[in-house]
């Protein structure tokens, strides 16, 4: 990693800690700069505004995690051709485990609370759409292999996400639920969601699973 990339990562780590601790309004660029060192222009050479920096802090970790998961899942499906649904279930378990973790739930609460400020909500939504494109690309791949029925992969990704989050994420975000979902609950929820999803998007009976040559 070069010096510029290292500095960017340092800014993100410092800013993320301050934003989570104090919120958007109470955190200043000057405060971030005092810890990072250098001048304000250094921060602005990486991020055009405080809003952009905030959104990057709130989304970059999730984006990298989802991207790596979709790449791994695509590879696993090709490796285990006879049990693609099991691989999709493993992806669903990993996704649920991540979004229900206390740190990520807190991050989502913070993002929602600040969404109305200076276009933050719009910036964050755009980043999330980019993130979701990784999942829709995975589903495009699965549709091309006849593992999923050919349809709109973007809509399929939205249905998949909605099925997984239903009845489990909202109570956590609203603090209506005090305990964390344990592993067995996450697995049951993932399996039920994937079963429902496959009823919608499972391959047509006459399609079968496409063969793959290496």
N, C-alpha and C. Protein backbone atom coordinates (compact mmCIF):
# COMPACT_ATOMS: atom_id res chain seq x y z
N UNK A 1 0.85 -1.20 0.00
CA UNK A 1 0.00 0.00 0.00
C UNK A 1 0.88 1.25 0.00
N UNK A 2 0.65 2.17 -0.95
CA UNK A 2 1.49 3.36 -1.03
C UNK A 2 1.12 4.38 0.05
N UNK A 3 1.92 5.46 0.13
CA UNK A 3 1.73 6.44 1.20
C UNK A 3 0.35 7.10 1.14
N UNK A 4 -0.11 7.40 -0.08
CA UNK A 4 -1.42 8.04 -0.21
C UNK A 4 -2.53 7.12 0.29
N UNK A 5 -2.45 5.85 -0.09
CA UNK A 5 -3.47 4.89 0.35
C UNK A 5 -3.42 4.69 1.86
N UNK A 6 -2.21 4.68 2.42
CA UNK A 6 -2.07 4.55 3.87
C UNK A 6 -2.67 5.74 4.61
N UNK A 7 -2.43 6.93 4.08
CA UNK A 7 -2.99 8.14 4.69
C UNK A 7 -4.51 8.11 4.62
N UNK A 8 -5.06 7.70 3.49
CA UNK A 8 -6.51 7.60 3.33
C UNK A 8 -7.10 6.64 4.36
N UNK A 9 -6.44 5.49 4.53
CA UNK A 9 -6.92 4.51 5.49
C UNK A 9 -6.85 5.05 6.91
N UNK A 10 -5.79 5.80 7.21
CA UNK A 10 -5.65 6.40 8.54
C UNK A 10 -6.77 7.41 8.80
N UNK A 11 -7.07 8.23 7.80
CA UNK A 11 -8.16 9.20 7.93
C UNK A 11 -9.48 8.49 8.20
N UNK A 12 -9.74 7.42 7.45
CA UNK A 12 -10.99 6.67 7.62
C UNK A 12 -11.09 6.06 9.02
N UNK A 13 -10.01 5.49 9.51
CA UNK A 13 -10.04 4.86 10.83
C UNK A 13 -10.30 5.88 11.93
N UNK A 14 -9.61 7.02 11.86
CA UNK A 14 -9.79 8.07 12.87
C UNK A 14 -11.20 8.65 12.79
N UNK A 15 -11.62 9.00 11.57
CA UNK A 15 -12.94 9.61 11.38
C UNK A 15 -14.06 8.66 11.79
N UNK A 16 -13.92 7.39 11.44
CA UNK A 16 -14.95 6.41 11.78
C UNK A 16 -15.13 6.30 13.29
N UNK A 17 -14.02 6.27 14.02
CA UNK A 17 -14.10 6.20 15.47
C UNK A 17 -14.78 7.41 16.07
N UNK A 18 -14.45 8.60 15.56
CA UNK A 18 -15.05 9.84 16.08
C UNK A 18 -16.52 9.94 15.71
N UNK A 19 -16.86 9.60 14.47
CA UNK A 19 -18.27 9.66 14.05
C UNK A 19 -19.13 8.72 14.89
N UNK A 20 -18.63 7.53 15.15
CA UNK A 20 -19.40 6.56 15.93
C UNK A 20 -19.54 7.00 17.38
N UNK A 21 -18.50 7.64 17.89
CA UNK A 21 -18.51 8.07 19.28
C UNK A 21 -19.34 9.33 19.49
N UNK A 22 -19.24 10.29 18.55
CA UNK A 22 -19.81 11.62 18.78
C UNK A 22 -20.93 11.99 17.83
N UNK A 23 -21.07 11.26 16.70
CA UNK A 23 -22.06 11.64 15.70
C UNK A 23 -21.47 12.57 14.67
N UNK A 24 -22.27 12.89 13.67
CA UNK A 24 -21.79 13.69 12.54
C UNK A 24 -21.54 15.14 12.93
N UNK A 25 -22.53 15.79 13.53
CA UNK A 25 -22.42 17.22 13.84
C UNK A 25 -21.29 17.53 14.81
N UNK A 26 -21.14 16.69 15.83
CA UNK A 26 -20.16 16.97 16.88
C UNK A 26 -18.73 16.64 16.49
N UNK A 27 -18.55 16.02 15.34
CA UNK A 27 -17.22 15.70 14.85
C UNK A 27 -16.82 16.71 13.78
N UNK A 28 -15.66 17.30 13.93
CA UNK A 28 -15.20 18.30 12.96
C UNK A 28 -14.00 17.79 12.18
N UNK A 29 -13.83 18.34 11.00
CA UNK A 29 -12.65 18.01 10.19
C UNK A 29 -11.38 18.41 10.94
N UNK A 30 -11.45 19.53 11.66
CA UNK A 30 -10.28 19.99 12.43
C UNK A 30 -9.88 18.96 13.47
N UNK A 31 -10.87 18.36 14.12
CA UNK A 31 -10.59 17.35 15.14
C UNK A 31 -9.96 16.12 14.52
N UNK A 32 -10.50 15.70 13.39
CA UNK A 32 -9.93 14.55 12.68
C UNK A 32 -8.50 14.86 12.28
N UNK A 33 -8.31 16.06 11.74
CA UNK A 33 -6.99 16.48 11.26
C UNK A 33 -5.97 16.54 12.39
N UNK A 34 -6.41 16.97 13.58
CA UNK A 34 -5.50 17.08 14.73
C UNK A 34 -4.93 15.72 15.12
N UNK A 35 -5.72 14.67 14.93
CA UNK A 35 -5.26 13.32 15.27
C UNK A 35 -4.43 12.72 14.13
N UNK A 36 -4.89 12.94 12.91
CA UNK A 36 -4.22 12.37 11.74
C UNK A 36 -2.89 13.07 11.47
N UNK A 37 -2.88 14.39 11.68
CA UNK A 37 -1.70 15.18 11.37
C UNK A 37 -1.75 15.72 9.95
N UNK A 38 -0.96 16.74 9.69
CA UNK A 38 -0.98 17.36 8.37
C UNK A 38 -1.97 18.51 8.34
N UNK A 39 -2.39 18.88 7.15
CA UNK A 39 -3.31 20.00 6.99
C UNK A 39 -4.69 19.51 6.56
N UNK A 40 -5.68 20.41 6.68
CA UNK A 40 -7.03 20.07 6.23
C UNK A 40 -7.05 19.72 4.75
N UNK A 41 -6.17 20.36 4.01
CA UNK A 41 -6.15 20.10 2.56
C UNK A 41 -5.82 18.64 2.26
N UNK A 42 -5.08 18.00 3.19
CA UNK A 42 -4.77 16.57 3.00
C UNK A 42 -6.04 15.74 3.03
N UNK A 43 -6.90 16.03 4.01
CA UNK A 43 -8.18 15.31 4.10
C UNK A 43 -9.04 15.59 2.87
N UNK A 44 -9.09 16.86 2.48
CA UNK A 44 -9.94 17.23 1.34
C UNK A 44 -9.37 16.75 0.00
N UNK A 45 -8.11 16.36 -0.01
CA UNK A 45 -7.56 15.76 -1.24
C UNK A 45 -8.05 14.33 -1.41
N UNK A 46 -8.54 13.74 -0.33
CA UNK A 46 -9.09 12.38 -0.38
C UNK A 46 -10.62 12.37 -0.42
N UNK A 47 -11.23 13.32 0.27
CA UNK A 47 -12.70 13.38 0.37
C UNK A 47 -13.15 14.81 0.14
N UNK A 48 -14.11 14.99 -0.74
CA UNK A 48 -14.49 16.34 -1.15
C UNK A 48 -15.25 17.10 -0.07
N UNK A 49 -15.82 16.38 0.90
CA UNK A 49 -16.61 17.03 1.94
C UNK A 49 -16.66 16.15 3.18
N UNK A 50 -17.09 16.74 4.28
CA UNK A 50 -17.29 15.97 5.51
C UNK A 50 -18.37 14.91 5.29
N UNK A 51 -19.39 15.25 4.51
CA UNK A 51 -20.48 14.31 4.22
C UNK A 51 -19.94 13.08 3.48
N UNK A 52 -19.09 13.33 2.49
CA UNK A 52 -18.53 12.22 1.72
C UNK A 52 -17.66 11.33 2.61
N UNK A 53 -16.88 11.96 3.49
CA UNK A 53 -16.04 11.20 4.42
C UNK A 53 -16.91 10.35 5.34
N UNK A 54 -17.99 10.91 5.84
CA UNK A 54 -18.90 10.18 6.73
C UNK A 54 -19.48 8.96 6.03
N UNK A 55 -19.97 9.15 4.82
CA UNK A 55 -20.57 8.05 4.07
C UNK A 55 -19.53 6.97 3.78
N UNK A 56 -18.32 7.39 3.45
CA UNK A 56 -17.25 6.41 3.20
C UNK A 56 -16.96 5.60 4.46
N UNK A 57 -16.91 6.27 5.60
CA UNK A 57 -16.69 5.57 6.87
C UNK A 57 -17.80 4.56 7.15
N UNK A 58 -19.03 4.93 6.83
CA UNK A 58 -20.17 4.10 7.14
C UNK A 58 -20.36 2.94 6.16
N UNK A 59 -19.75 3.01 4.99
CA UNK A 59 -20.06 2.02 3.95
C UNK A 59 -18.87 1.20 3.46
N UNK A 60 -17.65 1.68 3.64
CA UNK A 60 -16.50 1.03 3.00
C UNK A 60 -16.28 -0.39 3.51
N UNK A 61 -16.40 -0.60 4.82
CA UNK A 61 -16.18 -1.93 5.39
C UNK A 61 -17.22 -2.92 4.86
N UNK A 62 -18.49 -2.49 4.86
CA UNK A 62 -19.56 -3.35 4.37
C UNK A 62 -19.38 -3.67 2.89
N UNK A 63 -18.98 -2.67 2.13
CA UNK A 63 -18.78 -2.87 0.69
C UNK A 63 -17.71 -3.92 0.44
N UNK A 64 -16.60 -3.83 1.15
CA UNK A 64 -15.52 -4.80 0.97
C UNK A 64 -15.95 -6.20 1.40
N UNK A 65 -16.72 -6.28 2.48
CA UNK A 65 -17.16 -7.58 2.98
C UNK A 65 -18.11 -8.25 2.00
N UNK A 66 -19.10 -7.51 1.52
CA UNK A 66 -20.07 -8.09 0.58
C UNK A 66 -19.39 -8.47 -0.73
N UNK A 67 -18.48 -7.64 -1.19
CA UNK A 67 -17.77 -7.94 -2.43
C UNK A 67 -16.99 -9.24 -2.30
N UNK A 68 -16.27 -9.41 -1.20
CA UNK A 68 -15.49 -10.63 -1.01
C UNK A 68 -16.40 -11.85 -0.86
N UNK A 69 -17.55 -11.68 -0.21
CA UNK A 69 -18.50 -12.79 -0.04
C UNK A 69 -19.07 -13.25 -1.37
N UNK A 70 -19.42 -12.29 -2.24
CA UNK A 70 -20.03 -12.68 -3.52
C UNK A 70 -19.01 -13.37 -4.41
N UNK A 71 -17.76 -12.90 -4.38
CA UNK A 71 -16.71 -13.55 -5.17
C UNK A 71 -16.48 -14.97 -4.67
N UNK A 72 -16.41 -15.13 -3.35
CA UNK A 72 -16.21 -16.46 -2.76
C UNK A 72 -17.38 -17.38 -3.08
N UNK A 73 -18.60 -16.86 -3.00
CA UNK A 73 -19.79 -17.68 -3.27
C UNK A 73 -19.81 -18.15 -4.72
N UNK A 74 -19.49 -17.25 -5.64
CA UNK A 74 -19.45 -17.63 -7.06
C UNK A 74 -18.46 -18.77 -7.29
N UNK A 75 -17.31 -18.69 -6.64
CA UNK A 75 -16.31 -19.75 -6.76
C UNK A 75 -16.78 -21.05 -6.14
N UNK A 76 -17.44 -20.96 -4.99
CA UNK A 76 -17.93 -22.16 -4.31
C UNK A 76 -19.02 -22.85 -5.13
N UNK A 77 -19.88 -22.08 -5.77
CA UNK A 77 -20.94 -22.67 -6.60
C UNK A 77 -20.32 -23.48 -7.74
N UNK A 78 -19.27 -22.93 -8.35
CA UNK A 78 -18.61 -23.65 -9.45
C UNK A 78 -17.92 -24.91 -8.94
N UNK A 79 -17.42 -24.84 -7.72
CA UNK A 79 -16.70 -25.98 -7.15
C UNK A 79 -17.66 -27.09 -6.73
N UNK A 80 -18.78 -26.70 -6.13
CA UNK A 80 -19.74 -27.68 -5.62
C UNK A 80 -21.01 -27.64 -6.47
N UNK A 81 -20.92 -28.15 -7.67
CA UNK A 81 -22.00 -28.03 -8.64
C UNK A 81 -23.26 -28.75 -8.20
N UNK A 82 -23.13 -29.81 -7.39
CA UNK A 82 -24.30 -30.62 -7.04
C UNK A 82 -25.11 -30.03 -5.90
N UNK A 83 -24.58 -29.03 -5.20
CA UNK A 83 -25.31 -28.47 -4.06
C UNK A 83 -25.25 -26.95 -4.06
N UNK A 84 -25.68 -26.30 -5.16
CA UNK A 84 -25.61 -24.83 -5.20
C UNK A 84 -26.48 -24.16 -4.15
N UNK A 85 -27.64 -24.79 -3.80
CA UNK A 85 -28.50 -24.17 -2.79
C UNK A 85 -27.79 -24.11 -1.45
N UNK A 86 -27.02 -25.14 -1.12
CA UNK A 86 -26.27 -25.15 0.13
C UNK A 86 -25.26 -24.00 0.15
N UNK A 87 -24.62 -23.74 -0.98
CA UNK A 87 -23.65 -22.64 -1.06
C UNK A 87 -24.36 -21.30 -0.89
N UNK A 88 -25.54 -21.17 -1.50
CA UNK A 88 -26.32 -19.93 -1.35
C UNK A 88 -26.74 -19.76 0.11
N UNK A 89 -27.09 -20.87 0.77
CA UNK A 89 -27.44 -20.80 2.20
C UNK A 89 -26.24 -20.33 3.03
N UNK A 90 -25.06 -20.79 2.68
CA UNK A 90 -23.86 -20.37 3.40
C UNK A 90 -23.62 -18.87 3.22
N UNK A 91 -23.87 -18.39 2.01
CA UNK A 91 -23.77 -16.96 1.75
C UNK A 91 -24.79 -16.20 2.60
N UNK A 92 -26.01 -16.73 2.68
CA UNK A 92 -27.07 -16.08 3.46
C UNK A 92 -26.72 -16.05 4.94
N UNK A 93 -26.16 -17.13 5.46
CA UNK A 93 -25.75 -17.17 6.86
C UNK A 93 -24.68 -16.12 7.14
N UNK A 94 -23.68 -16.04 6.26
CA UNK A 94 -22.60 -15.06 6.45
C UNK A 94 -23.15 -13.63 6.38
N UNK A 95 -24.07 -13.39 5.46
CA UNK A 95 -24.68 -12.06 5.32
C UNK A 95 -25.45 -11.69 6.58
N UNK A 96 -26.29 -12.60 7.06
CA UNK A 96 -27.09 -12.33 8.27
C UNK A 96 -26.20 -12.14 9.49
N UNK A 97 -25.20 -12.98 9.61
CA UNK A 97 -24.28 -12.88 10.75
C UNK A 97 -23.63 -11.49 10.78
N UNK A 98 -23.30 -11.00 9.59
CA UNK A 98 -22.63 -9.70 9.49
C UNK A 98 -23.58 -8.55 9.81
N UNK A 99 -24.76 -8.51 9.15
CA UNK A 99 -25.65 -7.35 9.33
C UNK A 99 -26.30 -7.31 10.71
N UNK A 100 -26.33 -8.46 11.40
CA UNK A 100 -26.93 -8.50 12.74
C UNK A 100 -25.89 -8.33 13.85
N UNK A 101 -24.62 -8.21 13.49
CA UNK A 101 -23.59 -8.02 14.51
C UNK A 101 -23.78 -6.66 15.18
N UNK A 102 -23.52 -6.56 16.48
CA UNK A 102 -23.78 -5.31 17.20
C UNK A 102 -23.12 -4.08 16.58
N UNK A 103 -21.89 -4.22 16.13
CA UNK A 103 -21.17 -3.08 15.55
C UNK A 103 -21.85 -2.58 14.28
N UNK A 104 -22.28 -3.50 13.43
CA UNK A 104 -22.92 -3.11 12.17
C UNK A 104 -24.32 -2.58 12.41
N UNK A 105 -25.03 -3.13 13.38
CA UNK A 105 -26.35 -2.59 13.74
C UNK A 105 -26.20 -1.16 14.24
N UNK A 106 -25.22 -0.90 15.09
CA UNK A 106 -24.97 0.46 15.57
C UNK A 106 -24.64 1.40 14.41
N UNK A 107 -23.85 0.92 13.48
CA UNK A 107 -23.49 1.72 12.31
C UNK A 107 -24.73 2.08 11.50
N UNK A 108 -25.62 1.11 11.30
CA UNK A 108 -26.84 1.37 10.53
C UNK A 108 -27.75 2.37 11.25
N UNK A 109 -27.82 2.26 12.57
CA UNK A 109 -28.61 3.23 13.34
C UNK A 109 -28.05 4.64 13.15
N UNK A 110 -26.74 4.77 13.24
CA UNK A 110 -26.10 6.07 13.08
C UNK A 110 -26.36 6.63 11.69
N UNK A 111 -26.26 5.78 10.68
CA UNK A 111 -26.49 6.23 9.31
C UNK A 111 -27.92 6.72 9.13
N UNK A 112 -28.88 5.99 9.67
CA UNK A 112 -30.28 6.39 9.56
C UNK A 112 -30.53 7.71 10.27
N UNK A 113 -29.91 7.88 11.45
CA UNK A 113 -30.14 9.10 12.23
C UNK A 113 -29.57 10.34 11.54
N UNK A 114 -28.55 10.16 10.71
CA UNK A 114 -27.91 11.30 10.05
C UNK A 114 -28.33 11.46 8.59
N UNK A 115 -29.23 10.59 8.12
CA UNK A 115 -29.53 10.54 6.68
C UNK A 115 -30.11 11.83 6.12
N UNK A 116 -30.78 12.62 6.95
CA UNK A 116 -31.42 13.84 6.46
C UNK A 116 -30.50 15.03 6.33
N UNK A 117 -29.25 14.89 6.68
CA UNK A 117 -28.33 16.03 6.69
C UNK A 117 -27.58 16.16 5.37
N UNK A 118 -27.69 17.30 4.74
CA UNK A 118 -26.81 17.71 3.63
C UNK A 118 -26.60 16.64 2.57
N UNK A 119 -27.64 15.90 2.25
CA UNK A 119 -27.52 14.91 1.18
C UNK A 119 -26.84 13.62 1.58
N UNK A 120 -26.62 13.41 2.89
CA UNK A 120 -25.95 12.19 3.34
C UNK A 120 -26.75 10.95 2.92
N UNK A 121 -28.07 11.01 3.09
CA UNK A 121 -28.91 9.87 2.73
C UNK A 121 -28.79 9.52 1.26
N UNK A 122 -28.76 10.54 0.42
CA UNK A 122 -28.64 10.31 -1.02
C UNK A 122 -27.28 9.70 -1.37
N UNK A 123 -26.22 10.22 -0.75
CA UNK A 123 -24.88 9.69 -0.99
C UNK A 123 -24.79 8.23 -0.54
N UNK A 124 -25.34 7.95 0.63
CA UNK A 124 -25.27 6.59 1.17
C UNK A 124 -26.08 5.62 0.32
N UNK A 125 -27.26 6.05 -0.12
CA UNK A 125 -28.09 5.19 -0.96
C UNK A 125 -27.36 4.82 -2.25
N UNK A 126 -26.67 5.81 -2.83
CA UNK A 126 -25.91 5.55 -4.06
C UNK A 126 -24.81 4.51 -3.81
N UNK A 127 -24.16 4.61 -2.66
CA UNK A 127 -23.12 3.64 -2.33
C UNK A 127 -23.71 2.26 -2.12
N UNK A 128 -24.87 2.19 -1.49
CA UNK A 128 -25.50 0.90 -1.25
C UNK A 128 -25.98 0.26 -2.55
N UNK A 129 -26.40 1.08 -3.50
CA UNK A 129 -26.78 0.54 -4.80
C UNK A 129 -25.58 -0.08 -5.50
N UNK A 130 -24.44 0.58 -5.36
CA UNK A 130 -23.20 0.03 -5.92
C UNK A 130 -22.86 -1.29 -5.25
N UNK A 131 -23.02 -1.34 -3.94
CA UNK A 131 -22.76 -2.57 -3.19
C UNK A 131 -23.70 -3.69 -3.64
N UNK A 132 -24.98 -3.35 -3.79
CA UNK A 132 -25.96 -4.38 -4.18
C UNK A 132 -25.71 -4.89 -5.58
N UNK A 133 -25.00 -4.11 -6.39
CA UNK A 133 -24.68 -4.57 -7.74
C UNK A 133 -23.78 -5.80 -7.69
N UNK A 134 -23.00 -5.96 -6.61
CA UNK A 134 -22.18 -7.16 -6.45
C UNK A 134 -23.07 -8.39 -6.29
N UNK A 135 -24.16 -8.26 -5.54
CA UNK A 135 -25.07 -9.38 -5.34
C UNK A 135 -25.84 -9.67 -6.63
N UNK A 136 -26.29 -8.63 -7.32
CA UNK A 136 -27.01 -8.85 -8.58
C UNK A 136 -26.09 -9.47 -9.63
N UNK A 137 -24.79 -9.12 -9.59
CA UNK A 137 -23.84 -9.74 -10.52
C UNK A 137 -23.69 -11.23 -10.21
N UNK A 138 -23.69 -11.58 -8.93
CA UNK A 138 -23.65 -12.99 -8.54
C UNK A 138 -24.87 -13.72 -9.07
N UNK A 139 -26.05 -13.12 -8.93
CA UNK A 139 -27.27 -13.76 -9.40
C UNK A 139 -27.31 -13.85 -10.93
N UNK A 140 -26.74 -12.87 -11.61
CA UNK A 140 -26.62 -12.95 -13.07
C UNK A 140 -25.82 -14.19 -13.45
N UNK A 141 -24.72 -14.39 -12.74
CA UNK A 141 -23.87 -15.56 -12.98
C UNK A 141 -24.65 -16.85 -12.73
N UNK A 142 -25.40 -16.90 -11.63
CA UNK A 142 -26.17 -18.11 -11.31
C UNK A 142 -27.29 -18.35 -12.32
N UNK A 143 -27.88 -17.26 -12.82
CA UNK A 143 -28.92 -17.40 -13.85
C UNK A 143 -28.32 -17.92 -15.15
N UNK A 144 -27.13 -17.45 -15.49
CA UNK A 144 -26.47 -17.91 -16.71
C UNK A 144 -26.10 -19.38 -16.63
N UNK A 145 -25.91 -19.88 -15.41
CA UNK A 145 -25.60 -21.30 -15.22
C UNK A 145 -26.86 -22.15 -15.02
N UNK A 146 -28.04 -21.50 -15.12
CA UNK A 146 -29.33 -22.17 -14.90
C UNK A 146 -29.49 -22.72 -13.48
N UNK A 147 -28.75 -22.14 -12.54
CA UNK A 147 -28.93 -22.47 -11.13
C UNK A 147 -30.13 -21.68 -10.60
N UNK A 148 -30.32 -20.49 -11.13
CA UNK A 148 -31.52 -19.69 -10.86
C UNK A 148 -32.26 -19.47 -12.16
N UNK A 149 -33.58 -19.31 -12.05
CA UNK A 149 -34.40 -19.00 -13.21
C UNK A 149 -34.01 -17.63 -13.76
N UNK A 150 -33.93 -17.53 -15.07
CA UNK A 150 -33.55 -16.26 -15.68
C UNK A 150 -34.63 -15.21 -15.45
N UNK A 151 -34.23 -14.10 -14.89
CA UNK A 151 -35.13 -13.00 -14.56
C UNK A 151 -34.27 -11.77 -14.32
N UNK A 152 -34.88 -10.73 -13.79
CA UNK A 152 -34.14 -9.50 -13.48
C UNK A 152 -33.26 -9.75 -12.25
N UNK A 153 -31.93 -9.76 -12.41
CA UNK A 153 -31.06 -10.07 -11.27
C UNK A 153 -31.06 -8.98 -10.20
N UNK A 154 -31.31 -7.74 -10.60
CA UNK A 154 -31.36 -6.65 -9.62
C UNK A 154 -32.56 -6.83 -8.69
N UNK A 155 -33.71 -7.15 -9.28
CA UNK A 155 -34.91 -7.39 -8.48
C UNK A 155 -34.73 -8.64 -7.62
N UNK A 156 -34.10 -9.66 -8.17
CA UNK A 156 -33.84 -10.89 -7.40
C UNK A 156 -32.98 -10.59 -6.18
N UNK A 157 -31.97 -9.74 -6.35
CA UNK A 157 -31.10 -9.37 -5.23
C UNK A 157 -31.87 -8.63 -4.15
N UNK A 158 -32.81 -7.77 -4.57
CA UNK A 158 -33.62 -7.03 -3.60
C UNK A 158 -34.54 -7.97 -2.83
N UNK A 159 -35.15 -8.93 -3.53
CA UNK A 159 -36.00 -9.92 -2.86
C UNK A 159 -35.18 -10.75 -1.87
N UNK A 160 -34.01 -11.15 -2.29
CA UNK A 160 -33.13 -11.96 -1.45
C UNK A 160 -32.79 -11.22 -0.16
N UNK A 161 -32.39 -9.97 -0.30
CA UNK A 161 -32.04 -9.15 0.86
C UNK A 161 -33.25 -8.95 1.78
N UNK A 162 -34.40 -8.67 1.17
CA UNK A 162 -35.61 -8.43 1.96
C UNK A 162 -36.03 -9.67 2.75
N UNK A 163 -35.95 -10.83 2.11
CA UNK A 163 -36.30 -12.08 2.80
C UNK A 163 -35.38 -12.33 3.99
N UNK A 164 -34.10 -12.06 3.81
CA UNK A 164 -33.15 -12.29 4.89
C UNK A 164 -33.36 -11.33 6.06
N UNK A 165 -33.65 -10.08 5.75
CA UNK A 165 -33.75 -9.06 6.80
C UNK A 165 -35.10 -9.07 7.52
N UNK A 166 -36.12 -9.63 6.89
CA UNK A 166 -37.47 -9.59 7.45
C UNK A 166 -37.51 -10.21 8.85
N UNK A 167 -38.13 -9.48 9.78
CA UNK A 167 -38.39 -9.96 11.14
C UNK A 167 -37.15 -10.17 12.01
N UNK A 168 -35.98 -9.80 11.50
CA UNK A 168 -34.78 -9.99 12.32
C UNK A 168 -33.97 -8.70 12.46
N UNK A 169 -33.85 -7.92 11.39
CA UNK A 169 -33.01 -6.72 11.47
C UNK A 169 -33.74 -5.54 12.11
N UNK A 170 -34.99 -5.32 11.71
CA UNK A 170 -35.72 -4.15 12.22
C UNK A 170 -35.82 -4.12 13.75
N UNK A 171 -36.16 -5.24 14.42
CA UNK A 171 -36.21 -5.21 15.89
C UNK A 171 -34.87 -4.84 16.52
N UNK A 172 -33.77 -5.23 15.86
CA UNK A 172 -32.45 -4.87 16.37
C UNK A 172 -32.19 -3.38 16.19
N UNK A 173 -32.54 -2.86 15.02
CA UNK A 173 -32.33 -1.43 14.74
C UNK A 173 -33.13 -0.55 15.70
N UNK A 174 -34.34 -0.98 16.02
CA UNK A 174 -35.23 -0.19 16.87
C UNK A 174 -35.06 -0.49 18.36
N UNK A 175 -34.12 -1.38 18.67
CA UNK A 175 -33.87 -1.81 20.06
C UNK A 175 -35.13 -2.41 20.69
N UNK A 176 -35.98 -2.97 19.82
CA UNK A 176 -37.17 -3.68 20.31
C UNK A 176 -36.80 -5.08 20.77
N UNK A 177 -35.63 -5.50 20.37
CA UNK A 177 -35.11 -6.80 20.79
C UNK A 177 -33.80 -6.58 21.54
N UNK A 178 -33.69 -7.16 22.72
CA UNK A 178 -32.52 -6.92 23.57
C UNK A 178 -31.41 -7.93 23.36
N UNK A 179 -31.79 -9.16 22.98
CA UNK A 179 -30.78 -10.19 22.80
C UNK A 179 -30.33 -10.26 21.35
N UNK A 180 -29.12 -10.76 21.14
CA UNK A 180 -28.61 -10.94 19.78
C UNK A 180 -29.04 -12.31 19.24
N UNK A 181 -29.36 -12.39 17.95
CA UNK A 181 -29.67 -13.70 17.37
C UNK A 181 -28.46 -14.63 17.53
N UNK A 182 -28.69 -15.85 18.00
CA UNK A 182 -27.57 -16.78 18.10
C UNK A 182 -27.39 -17.50 16.76
N UNK A 183 -26.35 -18.32 16.70
CA UNK A 183 -25.99 -18.95 15.43
C UNK A 183 -27.11 -19.85 14.91
N UNK A 184 -27.77 -20.58 15.80
CA UNK A 184 -28.83 -21.49 15.35
C UNK A 184 -30.00 -20.72 14.76
N UNK A 185 -30.33 -19.58 15.34
CA UNK A 185 -31.42 -18.76 14.79
C UNK A 185 -31.03 -18.19 13.43
N UNK A 186 -29.80 -17.74 13.31
CA UNK A 186 -29.33 -17.20 12.04
C UNK A 186 -29.37 -18.26 10.95
N UNK A 187 -28.94 -19.47 11.28
CA UNK A 187 -28.96 -20.57 10.30
C UNK A 187 -30.39 -20.90 9.89
N UNK A 188 -31.29 -21.00 10.87
CA UNK A 188 -32.70 -21.30 10.54
C UNK A 188 -33.30 -20.21 9.66
N UNK A 189 -33.03 -18.97 10.00
CA UNK A 189 -33.56 -17.84 9.22
C UNK A 189 -32.99 -17.87 7.81
N UNK A 190 -31.71 -18.13 7.68
CA UNK A 190 -31.08 -18.18 6.36
C UNK A 190 -31.67 -19.30 5.51
N UNK A 191 -31.84 -20.47 6.10
CA UNK A 191 -32.39 -21.61 5.36
C UNK A 191 -33.82 -21.34 4.91
N UNK A 192 -34.63 -20.79 5.81
CA UNK A 192 -36.02 -20.48 5.46
C UNK A 192 -36.09 -19.44 4.36
N UNK A 193 -35.23 -18.44 4.43
CA UNK A 193 -35.22 -17.38 3.42
C UNK A 193 -34.79 -17.91 2.07
N UNK A 194 -33.75 -18.75 2.06
CA UNK A 194 -33.27 -19.30 0.79
C UNK A 194 -34.30 -20.26 0.20
N UNK A 195 -34.98 -21.03 1.04
CA UNK A 195 -36.04 -21.92 0.54
C UNK A 195 -37.14 -21.11 -0.14
N UNK A 196 -37.55 -20.01 0.50
CA UNK A 196 -38.58 -19.14 -0.09
C UNK A 196 -38.07 -18.51 -1.38
N UNK A 197 -36.82 -18.09 -1.37
CA UNK A 197 -36.22 -17.46 -2.55
C UNK A 197 -36.16 -18.45 -3.71
N UNK A 198 -35.78 -19.69 -3.43
CA UNK A 198 -35.65 -20.68 -4.49
C UNK A 198 -37.01 -21.06 -5.07
N UNK A 199 -38.08 -20.93 -4.28
CA UNK A 199 -39.42 -21.15 -4.84
C UNK A 199 -39.76 -20.10 -5.89
N UNK A 200 -39.21 -18.90 -5.70
CA UNK A 200 -39.41 -17.83 -6.67
C UNK A 200 -38.45 -17.92 -7.85
N UNK A 201 -37.20 -18.27 -7.55
CA UNK A 201 -36.15 -18.15 -8.56
C UNK A 201 -35.41 -19.45 -8.86
N UNK A 202 -35.89 -20.56 -8.31
CA UNK A 202 -35.26 -21.83 -8.66
C UNK A 202 -35.40 -22.10 -10.15
N UNK A 203 -34.51 -22.92 -10.72
CA UNK A 203 -34.53 -23.16 -12.16
C UNK A 203 -35.81 -23.87 -12.59
N UNK A 204 -36.23 -23.59 -13.81
CA UNK A 204 -37.36 -24.33 -14.38
C UNK A 204 -36.96 -25.80 -14.49
N UNK A 205 -37.93 -26.69 -14.33
CA UNK A 205 -37.63 -28.12 -14.29
C UNK A 205 -36.94 -28.61 -15.56
N UNK A 206 -37.24 -27.99 -16.69
CA UNK A 206 -36.66 -28.46 -17.94
C UNK A 206 -35.31 -27.81 -18.24
N UNK A 207 -34.84 -26.93 -17.33
CA UNK A 207 -33.58 -26.25 -17.60
C UNK A 207 -32.39 -27.06 -17.11
N UNK A 208 -32.48 -27.55 -15.87
CA UNK A 208 -31.34 -28.24 -15.29
C UNK A 208 -30.22 -27.27 -14.98
N UNK A 209 -29.12 -27.82 -14.52
CA UNK A 209 -27.95 -27.00 -14.21
C UNK A 209 -26.96 -27.12 -15.34
N UNK A 210 -26.54 -25.98 -15.85
CA UNK A 210 -25.61 -25.98 -16.98
C UNK A 210 -24.30 -26.61 -16.57
N UNK A 211 -23.70 -27.33 -17.50
CA UNK A 211 -22.39 -27.91 -17.22
C UNK A 211 -21.32 -26.85 -17.37
N UNK A 212 -20.22 -27.05 -16.67
CA UNK A 212 -19.13 -26.10 -16.73
C UNK A 212 -17.86 -26.83 -17.11
N UNK A 213 -17.16 -26.33 -18.07
CA UNK A 213 -15.88 -26.92 -18.46
C UNK A 213 -14.75 -26.06 -17.95
N UNK A 214 -13.68 -26.69 -17.54
CA UNK A 214 -12.55 -25.96 -16.97
C UNK A 214 -11.34 -26.13 -17.88
